[in-house]
Amino acid sequence: MYSYKVFAKIHSLKGERREVTITRCEDGSYIAEYNGIKCQAILNCFDGEYYADDIYGIIK
C-alpha cells in the first residue's frame, strides 16, 4: 500500500474538488481520507479524476 495527495471530487460537497490523501490497497481498491474521515474512492480512468464517497462509503 502507498499513499499520495491529490484533488478529488467529494460526494458530500456535490462534486467540489478538495485535497485528499489516497491510499491504494493491494487488491487495487482506493481509500480516501478527507477531514479525518476514511472512505471508499474510485479513479475514473477516462478523465483521471478521483471520486470520494464520504456519505455512503465511510470506512469505520
N, C-alpha and C. Protein backbone atom coordinates (compact mmCIF):
# COMPACT_ATOMS: atom_id res chain seq x y z
N MET A 1 0.84 -1.18 0.00
CA MET A 1 0.00 0.00 0.00
C MET A 1 0.88 1.24 0.00
N TYR A 2 0.42 2.24 -0.72
CA TYR A 2 1.12 3.51 -0.70
C TYR A 2 0.11 4.64 -0.77
N SER A 3 0.49 5.82 -0.26
CA SER A 3 -0.43 6.95 -0.18
C SER A 3 0.14 8.16 -0.91
N TYR A 4 -0.75 9.01 -1.38
CA TYR A 4 -0.36 10.25 -2.05
C TYR A 4 -1.52 11.24 -1.98
N LYS A 5 -1.20 12.53 -2.09
CA LYS A 5 -2.22 13.57 -2.03
C LYS A 5 -2.60 13.99 -3.44
N VAL A 6 -3.91 14.12 -3.65
CA VAL A 6 -4.46 14.56 -4.93
C VAL A 6 -5.73 15.36 -4.65
N PHE A 7 -6.27 15.97 -5.68
CA PHE A 7 -7.58 16.59 -5.58
C PHE A 7 -8.61 15.59 -6.06
N ALA A 8 -9.71 15.47 -5.32
CA ALA A 8 -10.76 14.52 -5.65
C ALA A 8 -12.11 15.22 -5.54
N LYS A 9 -13.07 14.70 -6.28
CA LYS A 9 -14.44 15.19 -6.16
C LYS A 9 -15.06 14.52 -4.95
N ILE A 10 -15.65 15.33 -4.07
CA ILE A 10 -16.19 14.86 -2.80
C ILE A 10 -17.71 14.75 -2.89
N HIS A 11 -18.25 13.58 -2.56
CA HIS A 11 -19.68 13.33 -2.67
C HIS A 11 -20.51 14.30 -1.84
N SER A 12 -20.14 14.53 -0.58
CA SER A 12 -20.94 15.39 0.30
C SER A 12 -20.90 16.85 -0.14
N LEU A 13 -19.94 17.21 -0.95
CA LEU A 13 -19.83 18.59 -1.45
C LEU A 13 -20.36 18.71 -2.87
N LYS A 14 -21.14 17.71 -3.28
CA LYS A 14 -21.77 17.69 -4.61
C LYS A 14 -20.75 17.84 -5.75
N GLY A 15 -19.62 17.16 -5.56
CA GLY A 15 -18.62 17.10 -6.62
C GLY A 15 -17.56 18.17 -6.58
N GLU A 16 -17.57 19.04 -5.57
CA GLU A 16 -16.49 20.02 -5.45
C GLU A 16 -15.18 19.28 -5.20
N ARG A 17 -14.10 19.84 -5.72
CA ARG A 17 -12.79 19.20 -5.58
C ARG A 17 -12.09 19.72 -4.35
N ARG A 18 -11.54 18.79 -3.57
CA ARG A 18 -10.75 19.10 -2.38
C ARG A 18 -9.55 18.17 -2.33
N GLU A 19 -8.54 18.60 -1.58
CA GLU A 19 -7.35 17.76 -1.46
C GLU A 19 -7.64 16.60 -0.50
N VAL A 20 -7.29 15.40 -0.90
CA VAL A 20 -7.47 14.20 -0.10
C VAL A 20 -6.18 13.40 -0.13
N THR A 21 -6.06 12.48 0.80
CA THR A 21 -4.97 11.51 0.77
C THR A 21 -5.56 10.20 0.28
N ILE A 22 -5.02 9.72 -0.81
CA ILE A 22 -5.47 8.46 -1.41
C ILE A 22 -4.49 7.36 -1.03
N THR A 23 -5.03 6.23 -0.60
CA THR A 23 -4.22 5.05 -0.33
C THR A 23 -4.67 3.96 -1.30
N ARG A 24 -3.74 3.44 -2.05
CA ARG A 24 -4.05 2.33 -2.95
C ARG A 24 -3.74 1.03 -2.23
N CYS A 25 -4.73 0.19 -2.12
CA CYS A 25 -4.60 -1.09 -1.41
C CYS A 25 -4.05 -2.15 -2.35
N GLU A 26 -3.59 -3.24 -1.77
CA GLU A 26 -3.01 -4.33 -2.54
C GLU A 26 -4.01 -4.98 -3.49
N ASP A 27 -5.31 -4.92 -3.17
CA ASP A 27 -6.32 -5.52 -4.03
C ASP A 27 -6.76 -4.59 -5.16
N GLY A 28 -6.15 -3.41 -5.26
CA GLY A 28 -6.46 -2.47 -6.34
C GLY A 28 -7.53 -1.46 -5.99
N SER A 29 -8.10 -1.54 -4.79
CA SER A 29 -9.11 -0.56 -4.38
C SER A 29 -8.42 0.69 -3.82
N TYR A 30 -9.21 1.75 -3.66
CA TYR A 30 -8.70 3.03 -3.16
C TYR A 30 -9.45 3.45 -1.91
N ILE A 31 -8.72 4.04 -0.97
CA ILE A 31 -9.30 4.64 0.22
C ILE A 31 -8.88 6.10 0.23
N ALA A 32 -9.87 6.99 0.45
CA ALA A 32 -9.59 8.42 0.54
C ALA A 32 -9.74 8.86 1.98
N GLU A 33 -8.90 9.78 2.41
CA GLU A 33 -9.06 10.39 3.72
C GLU A 33 -9.27 11.88 3.52
N TYR A 34 -10.42 12.36 4.00
CA TYR A 34 -10.80 13.77 3.85
C TYR A 34 -11.42 14.23 5.15
N ASN A 35 -10.90 15.30 5.73
CA ASN A 35 -11.39 15.83 7.01
C ASN A 35 -11.42 14.78 8.11
N GLY A 36 -10.44 13.91 8.14
CA GLY A 36 -10.35 12.89 9.17
C GLY A 36 -11.26 11.69 8.96
N ILE A 37 -11.96 11.65 7.83
CA ILE A 37 -12.87 10.55 7.51
C ILE A 37 -12.23 9.68 6.44
N LYS A 38 -12.19 8.39 6.68
CA LYS A 38 -11.72 7.45 5.66
C LYS A 38 -12.93 6.89 4.93
N CYS A 39 -12.85 6.90 3.60
CA CYS A 39 -13.99 6.43 2.81
C CYS A 39 -13.50 5.78 1.53
N GLN A 40 -14.41 5.09 0.88
CA GLN A 40 -14.09 4.45 -0.39
C GLN A 40 -13.91 5.52 -1.46
N ALA A 41 -13.04 5.23 -2.41
CA ALA A 41 -12.81 6.14 -3.53
C ALA A 41 -12.65 5.32 -4.79
N ILE A 42 -12.90 5.98 -5.90
CA ILE A 42 -12.69 5.33 -7.20
C ILE A 42 -11.89 6.29 -8.07
N LEU A 43 -11.20 5.73 -9.03
CA LEU A 43 -10.48 6.51 -10.03
C LEU A 43 -11.19 6.30 -11.36
N ASN A 44 -11.67 7.39 -11.93
CA ASN A 44 -12.27 7.33 -13.25
C ASN A 44 -11.13 7.43 -14.25
N CYS A 45 -10.81 6.35 -14.89
CA CYS A 45 -9.64 6.32 -15.78
C CYS A 45 -9.88 7.11 -17.07
N PHE A 46 -11.13 7.45 -17.37
CA PHE A 46 -11.41 8.22 -18.58
C PHE A 46 -11.05 9.69 -18.43
N ASP A 47 -11.26 10.25 -17.23
CA ASP A 47 -10.91 11.66 -17.04
C ASP A 47 -9.81 11.87 -16.00
N GLY A 48 -9.32 10.78 -15.40
CA GLY A 48 -8.21 10.87 -14.45
C GLY A 48 -8.60 11.48 -13.12
N GLU A 49 -9.89 11.53 -12.80
CA GLU A 49 -10.38 12.13 -11.56
C GLU A 49 -10.68 11.06 -10.52
N TYR A 50 -10.39 11.38 -9.27
CA TYR A 50 -10.79 10.55 -8.15
C TYR A 50 -12.12 11.06 -7.62
N TYR A 51 -12.94 10.13 -7.14
CA TYR A 51 -14.22 10.45 -6.52
C TYR A 51 -14.24 9.80 -5.15
N ALA A 52 -14.47 10.58 -4.11
CA ALA A 52 -14.51 10.07 -2.73
C ALA A 52 -15.94 10.07 -2.23
N ASP A 53 -16.42 8.92 -1.77
CA ASP A 53 -17.79 8.79 -1.28
C ASP A 53 -17.79 8.88 0.24
N ASP A 54 -17.86 10.11 0.75
CA ASP A 54 -17.84 10.32 2.20
C ASP A 54 -19.25 10.34 2.79
N ILE A 55 -20.23 9.84 2.04
CA ILE A 55 -21.60 9.72 2.57
C ILE A 55 -21.92 8.24 2.80
N TYR A 56 -21.86 7.44 1.75
CA TYR A 56 -22.23 6.02 1.83
C TYR A 56 -21.03 5.09 1.97
N GLY A 57 -19.84 5.58 1.65
CA GLY A 57 -18.67 4.70 1.63
C GLY A 57 -17.72 4.88 2.80
N ILE A 58 -18.23 5.35 3.94
CA ILE A 58 -17.37 5.58 5.10
C ILE A 58 -16.84 4.26 5.62
N ILE A 59 -15.54 4.24 5.92
CA ILE A 59 -14.87 3.06 6.47
C ILE A 59 -14.64 3.29 7.95
N LYS A 60 -15.18 2.39 8.77
CA LYS A 60 -15.05 2.55 10.24
C LYS A 60 -13.94 1.71 10.78
